[in-house]
Amino acid sequence: MKPLGSVRRGGRAAEQGFSLIEVLIALVVLAVGLLGLALLQTMNLRYTKSADQRTKAVNLAGSMLDMMRSNRSQAGAYTVAANDFQAVDATSGCGSPDAVGVNQNRTRWICEVVETLGPGAGGTVAFNGATATVVVTWEEDGLPTLDQAGRVELESIL
């Protein structure tokens, strides 16, 4: 007669631990999880770079608006067309930040946009007598195509 509450064990094979199949399944699950983490880290780096570029673009657009605001009588002279960025060579630096004239400030700003955001960067500055609009564009590498990706537009009444 068996005592109450006893459980029959499956014999010697049931007491030896994990089987090879169980270990392989655990390794596959672990590998899939680690690949997911690696992908997450890669995407995190890409989006961090995008956020950094966007912050720099906002700062550059704001600096142009500040230059125009500080010299309201000549704000129209700060206008920039998209083709003004074609012949910019930012490899040798952008000149002194102590530039005092409108043309020097405008040229230095164009150079800083290219130097900061890369050779594909550009933009426009428009002034209609009361409102200034600054648009900065750049190329975002490695990110999905989004509407208005790589574009910042600031508008201010001077």
N, C-alpha and C. Protein backbone atom coordinates (compact mmCIF):
# COMPACT_ATOMS: atom_id res chain seq x y z
N MET A 1 0.83 -1.18 0.00
CA MET A 1 0.00 0.00 0.00
C MET A 1 0.88 1.25 0.00
N LYS A 2 0.47 2.25 -0.79
CA LYS A 2 1.24 3.50 -0.88
C LYS A 2 0.81 4.47 0.20
N PRO A 3 1.80 5.23 0.71
CA PRO A 3 1.39 6.26 1.66
C PRO A 3 0.67 7.41 0.94
N LEU A 4 -0.22 8.08 1.64
CA LEU A 4 -0.97 9.20 1.06
C LEU A 4 -0.01 10.36 0.76
N GLY A 5 -0.26 11.06 -0.33
CA GLY A 5 0.54 12.25 -0.67
C GLY A 5 1.83 11.95 -1.38
N SER A 6 2.11 10.71 -1.64
CA SER A 6 3.35 10.43 -2.35
C SER A 6 3.14 10.62 -3.85
N VAL A 7 4.15 11.07 -4.50
CA VAL A 7 4.09 11.31 -5.94
C VAL A 7 5.08 10.38 -6.59
N ARG A 8 4.66 9.76 -7.64
CA ARG A 8 5.54 8.85 -8.34
C ARG A 8 6.43 9.66 -9.28
N ARG A 9 7.67 9.47 -9.22
CA ARG A 9 8.61 10.15 -10.10
C ARG A 9 8.78 9.34 -11.36
N GLY A 10 9.19 10.01 -12.42
CA GLY A 10 9.30 9.37 -13.71
C GLY A 10 10.53 8.51 -13.86
N GLY A 11 11.24 8.29 -12.87
CA GLY A 11 12.42 7.46 -12.98
C GLY A 11 13.67 8.31 -13.02
N ARG A 12 14.77 7.68 -13.40
CA ARG A 12 16.07 8.33 -13.39
C ARG A 12 16.21 9.45 -14.41
N ALA A 13 15.63 9.33 -15.59
CA ALA A 13 15.75 10.34 -16.64
C ALA A 13 15.09 11.65 -16.25
N ALA A 14 14.05 11.62 -15.46
CA ALA A 14 13.35 12.84 -15.06
C ALA A 14 14.12 13.62 -14.02
N GLU A 15 15.11 13.03 -13.39
CA GLU A 15 15.85 13.69 -12.33
C GLU A 15 17.19 14.25 -12.78
N GLN A 16 17.53 14.22 -14.04
CA GLN A 16 18.87 14.62 -14.48
C GLN A 16 18.99 16.08 -14.87
N GLY A 17 17.95 16.91 -14.92
CA GLY A 17 18.08 18.33 -15.23
C GLY A 17 17.51 18.67 -16.59
N PHE A 18 18.04 19.72 -17.19
CA PHE A 18 17.54 20.22 -18.48
C PHE A 18 17.99 19.33 -19.62
N SER A 19 17.13 19.26 -20.60
CA SER A 19 17.53 18.53 -21.81
C SER A 19 18.19 19.51 -22.77
N LEU A 20 18.83 18.99 -23.77
CA LEU A 20 19.52 19.82 -24.76
C LEU A 20 18.52 20.71 -25.51
N ILE A 21 17.34 20.21 -25.78
CA ILE A 21 16.32 21.00 -26.48
C ILE A 21 15.91 22.20 -25.66
N GLU A 22 15.73 22.03 -24.37
CA GLU A 22 15.34 23.15 -23.51
C GLU A 22 16.41 24.23 -23.48
N VAL A 23 17.67 23.82 -23.41
CA VAL A 23 18.79 24.77 -23.41
C VAL A 23 18.84 25.54 -24.73
N LEU A 24 18.66 24.86 -25.86
CA LEU A 24 18.68 25.53 -27.16
C LEU A 24 17.52 26.52 -27.30
N ILE A 25 16.35 26.17 -26.82
CA ILE A 25 15.21 27.08 -26.88
C ILE A 25 15.49 28.32 -26.02
N ALA A 26 16.06 28.13 -24.86
CA ALA A 26 16.40 29.26 -23.99
C ALA A 26 17.42 30.18 -24.67
N LEU A 27 18.40 29.59 -25.36
CA LEU A 27 19.41 30.40 -26.07
C LEU A 27 18.78 31.18 -27.22
N VAL A 28 17.83 30.58 -27.93
CA VAL A 28 17.15 31.28 -29.03
C VAL A 28 16.34 32.46 -28.49
N VAL A 29 15.62 32.24 -27.40
CA VAL A 29 14.84 33.33 -26.79
C VAL A 29 15.77 34.45 -26.33
N LEU A 30 16.87 34.11 -25.71
CA LEU A 30 17.84 35.11 -25.26
C LEU A 30 18.44 35.88 -26.44
N ALA A 31 18.77 35.17 -27.52
CA ALA A 31 19.35 35.82 -28.69
C ALA A 31 18.37 36.79 -29.33
N VAL A 32 17.10 36.40 -29.43
CA VAL A 32 16.08 37.29 -30.01
C VAL A 32 15.94 38.54 -29.13
N GLY A 33 15.94 38.37 -27.83
CA GLY A 33 15.86 39.51 -26.92
C GLY A 33 17.04 40.45 -27.06
N LEU A 34 18.24 39.90 -27.17
CA LEU A 34 19.45 40.73 -27.32
C LEU A 34 19.47 41.45 -28.66
N LEU A 35 19.00 40.80 -29.72
CA LEU A 35 18.91 41.48 -31.02
C LEU A 35 17.92 42.63 -30.96
N GLY A 36 16.83 42.43 -30.26
CA GLY A 36 15.86 43.51 -30.08
C GLY A 36 16.46 44.70 -29.35
N LEU A 37 17.24 44.42 -28.31
CA LEU A 37 17.91 45.50 -27.58
C LEU A 37 18.94 46.23 -28.45
N ALA A 38 19.65 45.49 -29.29
CA ALA A 38 20.63 46.12 -30.19
C ALA A 38 19.93 47.03 -31.19
N LEU A 39 18.80 46.59 -31.73
CA LEU A 39 18.03 47.42 -32.65
C LEU A 39 17.50 48.66 -31.95
N LEU A 40 17.03 48.49 -30.73
CA LEU A 40 16.54 49.63 -29.95
C LEU A 40 17.65 50.65 -29.71
N GLN A 41 18.85 50.19 -29.39
CA GLN A 41 19.98 51.09 -29.17
C GLN A 41 20.36 51.83 -30.46
N THR A 42 20.35 51.13 -31.59
CA THR A 42 20.67 51.76 -32.87
C THR A 42 19.66 52.86 -33.20
N MET A 43 18.39 52.56 -33.04
CA MET A 43 17.35 53.57 -33.33
C MET A 43 17.46 54.73 -32.35
N ASN A 44 17.80 54.45 -31.10
CA ASN A 44 17.98 55.51 -30.11
C ASN A 44 19.08 56.47 -30.54
N LEU A 45 20.19 55.93 -31.03
CA LEU A 45 21.29 56.79 -31.49
C LEU A 45 20.85 57.66 -32.68
N ARG A 46 20.11 57.08 -33.61
CA ARG A 46 19.65 57.83 -34.78
C ARG A 46 18.72 58.97 -34.36
N TYR A 47 17.77 58.68 -33.49
CA TYR A 47 16.82 59.72 -33.08
C TYR A 47 17.49 60.77 -32.20
N THR A 48 18.49 60.38 -31.44
CA THR A 48 19.24 61.36 -30.65
C THR A 48 19.99 62.32 -31.57
N LYS A 49 20.58 61.80 -32.64
CA LYS A 49 21.26 62.65 -33.60
C LYS A 49 20.27 63.60 -34.27
N SER A 50 19.09 63.10 -34.61
CA SER A 50 18.07 63.93 -35.24
C SER A 50 17.64 65.05 -34.29
N ALA A 51 17.44 64.73 -33.03
CA ALA A 51 17.05 65.75 -32.05
C ALA A 51 18.15 66.79 -31.88
N ASP A 52 19.39 66.35 -31.90
CA ASP A 52 20.52 67.27 -31.78
C ASP A 52 20.56 68.22 -32.98
N GLN A 53 20.38 67.68 -34.19
CA GLN A 53 20.37 68.53 -35.38
C GLN A 53 19.20 69.51 -35.34
N ARG A 54 18.05 69.06 -34.89
CA ARG A 54 16.88 69.95 -34.82
C ARG A 54 17.12 71.08 -33.82
N THR A 55 17.74 70.76 -32.68
CA THR A 55 18.06 71.79 -31.69
C THR A 55 19.04 72.81 -32.27
N LYS A 56 20.05 72.32 -32.97
CA LYS A 56 21.02 73.24 -33.58
C LYS A 56 20.35 74.12 -34.63
N ALA A 57 19.44 73.55 -35.42
CA ALA A 57 18.74 74.32 -36.45
C ALA A 57 17.87 75.41 -35.82
N VAL A 58 17.18 75.09 -34.74
CA VAL A 58 16.36 76.09 -34.04
C VAL A 58 17.25 77.20 -33.50
N ASN A 59 18.39 76.84 -32.94
CA ASN A 59 19.31 77.86 -32.41
C ASN A 59 19.85 78.75 -33.53
N LEU A 60 20.17 78.16 -34.68
CA LEU A 60 20.67 78.96 -35.80
C LEU A 60 19.58 79.90 -36.33
N ALA A 61 18.37 79.40 -36.46
CA ALA A 61 17.28 80.25 -36.93
C ALA A 61 17.01 81.37 -35.93
N GLY A 62 17.05 81.04 -34.65
CA GLY A 62 16.87 82.06 -33.62
C GLY A 62 17.96 83.11 -33.63
N SER A 63 19.19 82.70 -33.92
CA SER A 63 20.29 83.68 -33.95
C SER A 63 20.11 84.65 -35.12
N MET A 64 19.60 84.15 -36.26
CA MET A 64 19.34 85.06 -37.39
C MET A 64 18.23 86.04 -37.03
N LEU A 65 17.18 85.56 -36.39
CA LEU A 65 16.11 86.47 -35.98
C LEU A 65 16.63 87.51 -34.98
N ASP A 66 17.52 87.11 -34.09
CA ASP A 66 18.10 88.05 -33.13
C ASP A 66 18.96 89.11 -33.83
N MET A 67 19.72 88.68 -34.86
CA MET A 67 20.52 89.66 -35.62
C MET A 67 19.60 90.67 -36.31
N MET A 68 18.52 90.17 -36.90
CA MET A 68 17.59 91.07 -37.58
C MET A 68 16.89 91.99 -36.57
N ARG A 69 16.55 91.46 -35.43
CA ARG A 69 15.88 92.25 -34.39
C ARG A 69 16.80 93.34 -33.84
N SER A 70 18.10 93.02 -33.74
CA SER A 70 19.03 94.00 -33.19
C SER A 70 19.37 95.11 -34.19
N ASN A 71 19.05 94.91 -35.47
CA ASN A 71 19.34 95.90 -36.50
C ASN A 71 18.09 96.06 -37.38
N ARG A 72 16.99 96.47 -36.77
CA ARG A 72 15.69 96.53 -37.45
C ARG A 72 15.69 97.44 -38.67
N SER A 73 16.48 98.49 -38.62
CA SER A 73 16.47 99.42 -39.75
C SER A 73 17.03 98.78 -41.03
N GLN A 74 17.85 97.75 -40.90
CA GLN A 74 18.41 97.06 -42.05
C GLN A 74 18.01 95.58 -42.09
N ALA A 75 16.88 95.25 -41.50
CA ALA A 75 16.45 93.85 -41.43
C ALA A 75 16.26 93.24 -42.81
N GLY A 76 15.86 94.03 -43.78
CA GLY A 76 15.67 93.52 -45.13
C GLY A 76 16.95 93.08 -45.79
N ALA A 77 18.08 93.61 -45.34
CA ALA A 77 19.38 93.23 -45.93
C ALA A 77 19.83 91.84 -45.48
N TYR A 78 19.16 91.26 -44.50
CA TYR A 78 19.53 89.93 -44.01
C TYR A 78 18.86 88.81 -44.81
N THR A 79 18.11 89.12 -45.84
CA THR A 79 17.44 88.07 -46.60
C THR A 79 18.46 87.13 -47.24
N VAL A 80 18.10 85.86 -47.26
CA VAL A 80 18.97 84.82 -47.80
C VAL A 80 18.12 83.94 -48.72
N ALA A 81 18.65 83.66 -49.88
CA ALA A 81 17.98 82.75 -50.82
C ALA A 81 18.61 81.37 -50.71
N ALA A 82 17.88 80.36 -51.17
CA ALA A 82 18.38 78.98 -51.09
C ALA A 82 19.67 78.78 -51.86
N ASN A 83 19.84 79.48 -52.98
CA ASN A 83 21.06 79.29 -53.78
C ASN A 83 22.28 79.97 -53.17
N ASP A 84 22.12 80.76 -52.11
CA ASP A 84 23.27 81.36 -51.42
C ASP A 84 24.12 80.31 -50.71
N PHE A 85 23.60 79.11 -50.53
CA PHE A 85 24.32 78.06 -49.82
C PHE A 85 25.14 77.18 -50.75
N GLN A 86 25.05 77.39 -52.05
CA GLN A 86 25.70 76.50 -53.00
C GLN A 86 27.22 76.60 -52.99
N ALA A 87 27.77 77.76 -52.81
CA ALA A 87 29.22 77.94 -52.92
C ALA A 87 29.89 78.10 -51.55
N VAL A 88 29.28 77.57 -50.51
CA VAL A 88 29.82 77.75 -49.16
C VAL A 88 30.86 76.67 -48.87
N ASP A 89 32.03 77.11 -48.38
CA ASP A 89 33.08 76.20 -47.94
C ASP A 89 33.31 76.44 -46.46
N ALA A 90 32.75 75.56 -45.63
CA ALA A 90 32.83 75.73 -44.19
C ALA A 90 34.01 74.98 -43.58
N THR A 91 34.86 74.38 -44.40
CA THR A 91 35.97 73.58 -43.86
C THR A 91 37.05 74.44 -43.21
N SER A 92 37.18 75.67 -43.63
CA SER A 92 38.23 76.52 -43.08
C SER A 92 37.72 77.44 -41.98
N GLY A 93 36.51 77.22 -41.51
CA GLY A 93 35.96 78.07 -40.45
C GLY A 93 35.06 79.14 -41.04
N CYS A 94 34.34 79.77 -40.16
CA CYS A 94 33.32 80.73 -40.61
C CYS A 94 33.64 82.17 -40.24
N GLY A 95 34.84 82.45 -39.89
CA GLY A 95 35.19 83.83 -39.58
C GLY A 95 34.92 84.18 -38.13
N SER A 96 35.14 85.42 -37.82
CA SER A 96 35.02 85.91 -36.45
C SER A 96 33.56 86.10 -36.06
N PRO A 97 33.19 85.69 -34.86
CA PRO A 97 31.83 85.95 -34.40
C PRO A 97 31.61 87.42 -34.07
N ASP A 98 32.68 88.22 -34.14
CA ASP A 98 32.57 89.65 -33.85
C ASP A 98 32.31 90.48 -35.10
N ALA A 99 31.82 89.86 -36.16
CA ALA A 99 31.53 90.59 -37.40
C ALA A 99 30.49 91.66 -37.10
N VAL A 100 30.69 92.84 -37.67
CA VAL A 100 29.82 93.96 -37.31
C VAL A 100 28.87 94.38 -38.42
N GLY A 101 29.18 94.12 -39.66
CA GLY A 101 28.32 94.56 -40.74
C GLY A 101 27.25 93.54 -41.08
N VAL A 102 26.20 94.00 -41.76
CA VAL A 102 25.11 93.12 -42.16
C VAL A 102 25.63 92.02 -43.07
N ASN A 103 26.43 92.36 -44.07
CA ASN A 103 26.94 91.36 -45.01
C ASN A 103 27.85 90.35 -44.32
N GLN A 104 28.70 90.80 -43.39
CA GLN A 104 29.57 89.88 -42.67
C GLN A 104 28.74 88.93 -41.79
N ASN A 105 27.75 89.47 -41.10
CA ASN A 105 26.90 88.63 -40.25
C ASN A 105 26.11 87.62 -41.08
N ARG A 106 25.58 88.07 -42.19
CA ARG A 106 24.80 87.21 -43.08
C ARG A 106 25.67 86.09 -43.64
N THR A 107 26.86 86.41 -44.12
CA THR A 107 27.79 85.42 -44.67
C THR A 107 28.24 84.44 -43.60
N ARG A 108 28.53 84.93 -42.40
CA ARG A 108 28.95 84.06 -41.30
C ARG A 108 27.82 83.11 -40.92
N TRP A 109 26.56 83.60 -40.90
CA TRP A 109 25.42 82.75 -40.55
C TRP A 109 25.24 81.63 -41.58
N ILE A 110 25.35 81.94 -42.85
CA ILE A 110 25.24 80.93 -43.91
C ILE A 110 26.31 79.86 -43.72
N CYS A 111 27.52 80.29 -43.43
CA CYS A 111 28.63 79.36 -43.21
C CYS A 111 28.37 78.50 -41.97
N GLU A 112 27.85 79.08 -40.91
CA GLU A 112 27.57 78.33 -39.68
C GLU A 112 26.49 77.27 -39.89
N VAL A 113 25.50 77.58 -40.72
CA VAL A 113 24.46 76.58 -41.02
C VAL A 113 25.09 75.36 -41.68
N VAL A 114 25.94 75.59 -42.67
CA VAL A 114 26.58 74.48 -43.38
C VAL A 114 27.57 73.76 -42.47
N GLU A 115 28.33 74.50 -41.69
CA GLU A 115 29.31 73.90 -40.80
C GLU A 115 28.63 73.05 -39.72
N THR A 116 27.51 73.52 -39.19
CA THR A 116 26.84 72.84 -38.09
C THR A 116 26.00 71.66 -38.55
N LEU A 117 25.28 71.81 -39.65
CA LEU A 117 24.31 70.79 -40.08
C LEU A 117 24.77 69.95 -41.25
N GLY A 118 25.94 70.23 -41.79
CA GLY A 118 26.47 69.40 -42.87
C GLY A 118 26.37 70.06 -44.23
N PRO A 119 27.05 69.47 -45.21
CA PRO A 119 27.12 70.08 -46.54
C PRO A 119 25.78 70.13 -47.28
N GLY A 120 24.81 69.33 -46.89
CA GLY A 120 23.50 69.36 -47.55
C GLY A 120 22.55 70.37 -46.93
N ALA A 121 23.02 71.15 -45.97
CA ALA A 121 22.14 72.10 -45.28
C ALA A 121 21.93 73.35 -46.12
N GLY A 122 20.83 74.01 -45.85
CA GLY A 122 20.51 75.25 -46.56
C GLY A 122 19.42 75.98 -45.82
N GLY A 123 18.82 76.91 -46.50
CA GLY A 123 17.73 77.65 -45.87
C GLY A 123 17.39 78.92 -46.61
N THR A 124 16.44 79.63 -46.05
CA THR A 124 16.03 80.93 -46.59
C THR A 124 15.70 81.85 -45.43
N VAL A 125 15.86 83.14 -45.69
CA VAL A 125 15.45 84.18 -44.75
C VAL A 125 14.65 85.19 -45.56
N ALA A 126 13.43 85.47 -45.11
CA ALA A 126 12.57 86.42 -45.81
C ALA A 126 12.09 87.48 -44.83
N PHE A 127 11.89 88.68 -45.35
CA PHE A 127 11.40 89.80 -44.53
C PHE A 127 10.41 90.59 -45.36
N ASN A 128 9.20 90.76 -44.84
CA ASN A 128 8.17 91.46 -45.60
C ASN A 128 7.81 92.82 -45.03
N GLY A 129 8.66 93.40 -44.25
CA GLY A 129 8.41 94.72 -43.68
C GLY A 129 8.05 94.68 -42.22
N ALA A 130 7.43 93.62 -41.76
CA ALA A 130 7.09 93.48 -40.35
C ALA A 130 7.43 92.10 -39.81
N THR A 131 7.32 91.10 -40.66
CA THR A 131 7.51 89.72 -40.24
C THR A 131 8.73 89.11 -40.91
N ALA A 132 9.55 88.47 -40.10
CA ALA A 132 10.72 87.77 -40.62
C ALA A 132 10.47 86.27 -40.50
N THR A 133 10.82 85.55 -41.55
CA THR A 133 10.67 84.09 -41.57
C THR A 133 12.01 83.47 -41.91
N VAL A 134 12.46 82.57 -41.05
CA VAL A 134 13.73 81.87 -41.25
C VAL A 134 13.43 80.38 -41.37
N VAL A 135 13.89 79.77 -42.47
CA VAL A 135 13.73 78.34 -42.69
C VAL A 135 15.12 77.74 -42.82
N VAL A 136 15.37 76.68 -42.04
CA VAL A 136 16.65 75.97 -42.09
C VAL A 136 16.34 74.52 -42.46
N THR A 137 17.04 74.00 -43.47
CA THR A 137 16.84 72.62 -43.89
C THR A 137 18.17 71.87 -43.85
N TRP A 138 18.10 70.56 -43.68
CA TRP A 138 19.29 69.71 -43.69
C TRP A 138 18.88 68.30 -44.03
N GLU A 139 19.86 67.47 -44.33
CA GLU A 139 19.62 66.08 -44.68
C GLU A 139 19.75 65.21 -43.44
N GLU A 140 18.71 64.42 -43.17
CA GLU A 140 18.75 63.49 -42.05
C GLU A 140 19.04 62.09 -42.58
N ASP A 141 20.19 61.56 -42.21
CA ASP A 141 20.59 60.24 -42.68
C ASP A 141 20.06 59.15 -41.77
N GLY A 142 19.66 58.04 -42.37
CA GLY A 142 19.32 56.86 -41.61
C GLY A 142 17.98 56.88 -40.91
N LEU A 143 17.13 57.86 -41.20
CA LEU A 143 15.83 57.89 -40.56
C LEU A 143 14.74 57.66 -41.59
N PRO A 144 13.60 57.14 -41.16
CA PRO A 144 12.50 56.96 -42.11
C PRO A 144 12.08 58.31 -42.68
N THR A 145 11.60 58.31 -43.91
CA THR A 145 11.18 59.55 -44.55
C THR A 145 9.92 60.05 -43.86
N LEU A 146 10.00 61.26 -43.33
CA LEU A 146 8.88 61.89 -42.67
C LEU A 146 8.58 63.21 -43.35
N ASP A 147 7.34 63.66 -43.26
CA ASP A 147 7.02 64.99 -43.77
C ASP A 147 7.76 66.02 -42.93
N GLN A 148 8.35 66.99 -43.58
CA GLN A 148 9.07 68.08 -42.94
C GLN A 148 10.28 67.60 -42.15
N ALA A 149 10.80 66.42 -42.43
CA ALA A 149 12.01 65.95 -41.75
C ALA A 149 13.18 66.81 -42.19
N GLY A 150 14.00 67.21 -41.25
CA GLY A 150 15.15 68.04 -41.59
C GLY A 150 14.77 69.45 -41.97
N ARG A 151 13.73 70.00 -41.35
CA ARG A 151 13.27 71.35 -41.68
C ARG A 151 12.75 72.02 -40.43
N VAL A 152 13.23 73.25 -40.20
CA VAL A 152 12.75 74.08 -39.10
C VAL A 152 12.37 75.43 -39.66
N GLU A 153 11.24 75.95 -39.25
CA GLU A 153 10.79 77.26 -39.71
C GLU A 153 10.39 78.09 -38.49
N LEU A 154 11.03 79.25 -38.36
CA LEU A 154 10.68 80.19 -37.29
C LEU A 154 10.21 81.49 -37.93
N GLU A 155 9.17 82.06 -37.33
CA GLU A 155 8.63 83.33 -37.84
C GLU A 155 8.46 84.27 -36.65
N SER A 156 8.81 85.52 -36.86
CA SER A 156 8.73 86.49 -35.79
C SER A 156 8.36 87.86 -36.34
N ILE A 157 7.58 88.57 -35.56
CA ILE A 157 7.28 89.96 -35.89
C ILE A 157 8.37 90.81 -35.28
N LEU A 158 9.03 91.61 -36.11
CA LEU A 158 10.14 92.43 -35.61
C LEU A 158 9.65 93.77 -35.11
